[in-house]
């Protein structure tokens, strides 16, 4: 088992996909492009920003599935890469999980390519007539990448598996609008919000 970690930007997902720090900058759902950090470096970043969550690489890879980003597909390229056996993946038209295509699976719609059906040429025409999109298997396989659904990740379980306990961070206290002050004119209590208006009792101004 490796002692390397991904850093998840837990503020946002793309569809169901978790987003991780990309090697070289930015964020990605593609685990092949995600940067891997040492234990110490990942904890240090978490201490700087607690929305950057360290995840053991082995834990995440064990829960990965295969997605295909529609942004990297073109119909003209696909038609030039038809399989010799005519096998195709069957995608739902105009349906995506984030940017990933949603496929016809054996048990219903799925964004996991490993669960997608791939009929031969004899059956493909029937799916096309039903309004599905057909993509050659080889073309799609070359453009697939490992991703992970955020809902499958359990942070406590993941950290326990590698014996990592994150430090407790002090969170800044935010002033509440219910904070009360004294009016400069009559001494009565006024709220933080009321200080920007004339005192409702004596009319004095309290704005800073």
Protein backbone atom coordinates (compact mmCIF):
# COMPACT_ATOMS: atom_id res chain seq x y z
CA UNK A 1 0.00 0.00 0.00
CA UNK A 2 1.38 3.42 -0.99
CA UNK A 3 1.54 6.37 1.37
CA UNK A 4 0.46 8.89 -1.26
CA UNK A 5 -2.64 11.09 -1.25
CA UNK A 6 -4.90 12.97 -3.63
CA UNK A 7 -6.21 16.37 -2.56
CA UNK A 8 -9.93 16.83 -3.23
CA UNK A 9 -11.41 20.28 -3.70
CA UNK A 10 -14.50 19.40 -1.66
CA UNK A 11 -16.26 22.70 -2.43
CA UNK A 12 -17.55 21.45 -5.78
CA UNK A 13 -18.15 18.31 -7.81
CA UNK A 14 -18.74 18.06 -11.55
CA UNK A 15 -21.90 16.04 -11.74
CA UNK A 16 -21.33 13.13 -9.37
CA UNK A 17 -17.55 13.23 -9.93
CA UNK A 18 -15.15 14.33 -7.20
CA UNK A 19 -12.60 16.96 -8.22
CA UNK A 20 -8.92 16.74 -7.30
CA UNK A 21 -5.85 18.93 -7.60
CA UNK A 22 -4.42 18.52 -11.09
CA UNK A 23 -0.69 18.05 -11.54
CA UNK A 24 0.59 21.35 -12.93
CA UNK A 25 -2.33 23.40 -11.60
CA UNK A 26 -6.12 23.54 -11.60
CA UNK A 27 -8.54 20.73 -10.82
CA UNK A 28 -9.60 17.54 -12.56
CA UNK A 29 -11.92 14.57 -12.18
CA UNK A 30 -9.43 12.43 -14.13
CA UNK A 31 -7.45 10.38 -11.62
CA UNK A 32 -4.70 9.85 -14.21
CA UNK A 33 -4.09 13.62 -14.16
CA UNK A 34 -4.51 14.16 -10.40
CA UNK A 35 -1.38 15.11 -8.46
CA UNK A 36 -0.21 12.75 -5.74
CA UNK A 37 1.11 14.20 -2.48
CA UNK A 38 3.09 12.83 0.42
CA UNK A 39 1.31 12.47 3.75
CA UNK A 40 3.04 15.54 5.19
CA UNK A 41 2.34 17.76 2.19
CA UNK A 42 -1.34 16.81 2.04
CA UNK A 43 -1.86 17.51 5.76
CA UNK A 44 -0.06 20.84 5.45
CA UNK A 45 -2.39 21.91 2.64
CA UNK A 46 -5.42 20.82 4.68
CA UNK A 47 -4.18 23.04 7.52
CA UNK A 48 -4.06 25.97 5.08
CA UNK A 49 -7.55 25.31 3.66
CA UNK A 50 -9.79 22.70 5.22
CA UNK A 51 -11.85 22.21 2.06
CA UNK A 52 -8.80 20.51 0.50
CA UNK A 53 -9.30 16.97 1.77
CA UNK A 54 -6.50 14.37 1.66
CA UNK A 55 -7.54 10.96 0.31
CA UNK A 56 -5.29 7.88 0.22
CA UNK A 57 -4.57 7.09 -3.43
CA UNK A 58 -5.17 3.35 -2.98
CA UNK A 59 -8.56 3.98 -1.32
CA UNK A 60 -9.77 6.22 -4.15
CA UNK A 61 -8.52 3.97 -6.96
CA UNK A 62 -10.33 1.01 -5.40
CA UNK A 63 -13.63 2.90 -5.79
CA UNK A 64 -12.95 4.33 -9.24
CA UNK A 65 -15.06 3.76 -12.33
CA UNK A 66 -14.63 4.72 -15.97
CA UNK A 67 -16.07 7.93 -17.41
CA UNK A 68 -16.00 9.51 -20.87
CA UNK A 69 -15.96 13.31 -21.14
CA UNK A 70 -18.13 14.48 -24.03
CA UNK A 71 -15.89 17.53 -24.53
CA UNK A 72 -13.22 15.34 -26.10
CA UNK A 73 -15.48 13.55 -28.59
CA UNK A 74 -16.26 14.51 -32.17
CA UNK A 75 -18.58 12.69 -34.49
CA UNK A 76 -16.25 12.98 -37.51
CA UNK A 77 -13.37 11.35 -35.62
CA UNK A 78 -15.66 8.62 -34.32
CA UNK A 79 -16.91 7.74 -37.79
CA UNK A 80 -13.31 7.34 -38.94
CA UNK A 81 -12.66 4.86 -36.12
CA UNK A 82 -15.42 2.33 -36.68
CA UNK A 83 -14.73 -1.07 -35.13
CA UNK A 84 -14.15 -3.96 -37.51
CA UNK A 85 -16.71 -5.99 -35.56
CA UNK A 86 -19.20 -3.09 -35.59
CA UNK A 87 -19.54 -2.97 -31.81
CA UNK A 88 -20.71 0.31 -30.33
CA UNK A 89 -21.49 1.85 -26.98
CA UNK A 90 -25.05 3.13 -26.67
CA UNK A 91 -25.40 6.61 -25.12
CA UNK A 92 -28.50 8.53 -24.10
CA UNK A 93 -28.90 11.66 -26.23
CA UNK A 94 -28.52 14.97 -24.35
CA UNK A 95 -27.92 13.34 -20.97
CA UNK A 96 -24.73 13.83 -18.99
CA UNK A 97 -23.24 13.28 -15.56
CA UNK A 98 -21.38 16.56 -15.34
CA UNK A 99 -19.51 16.37 -18.65
CA UNK A 100 -19.62 12.59 -18.87
CA UNK A 101 -21.85 10.68 -21.24
CA UNK A 102 -24.62 8.54 -19.76
CA UNK A 103 -24.79 5.06 -21.28
CA UNK A 104 -27.43 2.41 -21.71
CA UNK A 105 -26.44 -0.13 -19.07
CA UNK A 106 -27.55 -3.66 -18.40
CA UNK A 107 -29.58 -2.40 -15.43
CA UNK A 108 -30.49 1.06 -16.67
CA UNK A 109 -28.66 4.37 -17.28
CA UNK A 110 -25.07 4.52 -16.09
CA UNK A 111 -22.13 6.91 -16.40
CA UNK A 112 -19.73 4.02 -15.75
CA UNK A 113 -18.45 2.73 -19.06
CA UNK A 114 -17.69 -0.65 -17.49
CA UNK A 115 -21.44 -1.20 -17.01
CA UNK A 116 -22.47 -0.01 -20.50
CA UNK A 117 -23.81 -2.39 -23.11
CA UNK A 118 -21.91 -2.65 -26.41
CA UNK A 119 -24.02 -4.46 -29.02
CA UNK A 120 -22.77 -5.58 -32.39
CA UNK A 121 -23.71 -4.13 -35.76
CA UNK A 122 -26.81 -6.31 -36.11
CA UNK A 123 -28.47 -4.74 -33.04
CA UNK A 124 -27.01 -1.22 -33.28
CA UNK A 125 -29.57 0.05 -35.81
CA UNK A 126 -32.41 -0.71 -33.42
CA UNK A 127 -30.91 1.53 -30.74
CA UNK A 128 -30.29 4.28 -33.26
CA UNK A 129 -33.97 4.17 -34.24
CA UNK A 130 -34.90 4.64 -30.57
CA UNK A 131 -33.00 7.92 -30.42
CA UNK A 132 -29.78 6.71 -28.80
CA UNK A 133 -26.33 7.87 -29.87
CA UNK A 134 -23.87 5.19 -31.00
CA UNK A 135 -20.13 5.45 -30.47
CA UNK A 136 -17.50 2.93 -31.69
CA UNK A 137 -16.11 0.96 -28.77
CA UNK A 138 -12.44 1.45 -29.66
CA UNK A 139 -12.85 5.21 -30.08
CA UNK A 140 -14.56 5.54 -26.70
CA UNK A 141 -12.14 3.27 -24.87
CA UNK A 142 -9.21 5.42 -25.99
CA UNK A 143 -10.89 8.53 -24.57
CA UNK A 144 -12.06 7.06 -21.27
CA UNK A 145 -10.44 7.84 -17.93
CA UNK A 146 -10.75 6.78 -14.29
CA UNK A 147 -13.04 8.92 -12.13
CA UNK A 148 -14.74 8.48 -8.78
CA UNK A 149 -18.18 9.38 -7.52
CA UNK A 150 -17.97 11.68 -4.52
CA UNK A 151 -20.86 9.84 -2.85
CA UNK A 152 -18.81 6.64 -2.69
CA UNK A 153 -16.05 8.27 -0.65
CA UNK A 154 -16.10 8.06 3.16
CA UNK A 155 -13.43 10.37 4.55
CA UNK A 156 -13.28 8.95 8.07
CA UNK A 157 -13.06 5.41 6.74
CA UNK A 158 -10.36 6.39 4.24
CA UNK A 159 -8.17 8.07 6.85
CA UNK A 160 -8.62 5.21 9.30
CA UNK A 161 -7.38 2.79 6.64
CA UNK A 162 -3.98 4.52 6.66
CA UNK A 163 -3.89 5.61 10.30
CA UNK A 164 -4.08 9.34 9.55
CA UNK A 165 -5.75 11.71 12.00
CA UNK A 166 -6.11 15.26 10.77
CA UNK A 167 -5.48 18.13 13.20
CA UNK A 168 -8.45 20.05 14.57
CA UNK A 169 -8.43 23.52 13.07
CA UNK A 170 -9.52 26.70 14.80
CA UNK A 171 -12.29 28.33 12.85
CA UNK A 172 -12.66 32.13 12.82
CA UNK A 173 -15.66 33.50 14.64
CA UNK A 174 -17.99 35.61 12.55
CA UNK A 175 -19.80 38.52 14.12
CA UNK A 176 -23.54 37.94 14.21
CA UNK A 177 -26.05 40.60 13.29
CA UNK A 178 -27.74 39.90 16.62
CA UNK A 179 -24.72 41.46 18.40
CA UNK A 180 -26.09 44.34 20.54
CA UNK A 181 -24.69 47.84 21.17
CA UNK A 182 -25.71 50.85 23.27
CA UNK A 183 -27.19 53.94 21.63
CA UNK A 184 -24.93 56.99 22.00
CA UNK A 185 -27.98 59.16 22.69
CA UNK A 186 -30.17 57.30 25.17
CA UNK A 187 -28.08 54.27 26.10
CA UNK A 188 -30.70 51.73 25.03
CA UNK A 189 -29.62 48.51 23.36
CA UNK A 190 -29.62 48.51 19.58
CA UNK A 191 -28.64 45.73 17.20
CA UNK A 192 -25.67 45.78 14.83
CA UNK A 193 -28.15 46.31 12.00
CA UNK A 194 -29.94 49.20 13.75
CA UNK A 195 -26.76 51.18 14.30
CA UNK A 196 -26.83 52.25 10.66
CA UNK A 197 -30.25 53.92 11.14
CA UNK A 198 -31.39 56.61 13.57
CA UNK A 199 -32.19 55.23 17.03
CA UNK A 200 -35.88 54.23 17.10
CA UNK A 201 -36.13 55.63 20.65
CA UNK A 202 -34.31 59.01 20.64
CA UNK A 203 -33.39 59.53 16.99
CA UNK A 204 -29.65 59.73 17.62
CA UNK A 205 -27.24 58.62 14.91
CA UNK A 206 -25.02 55.66 15.81
CA UNK A 207 -23.42 54.84 12.48
CA UNK A 208 -19.62 54.60 12.69
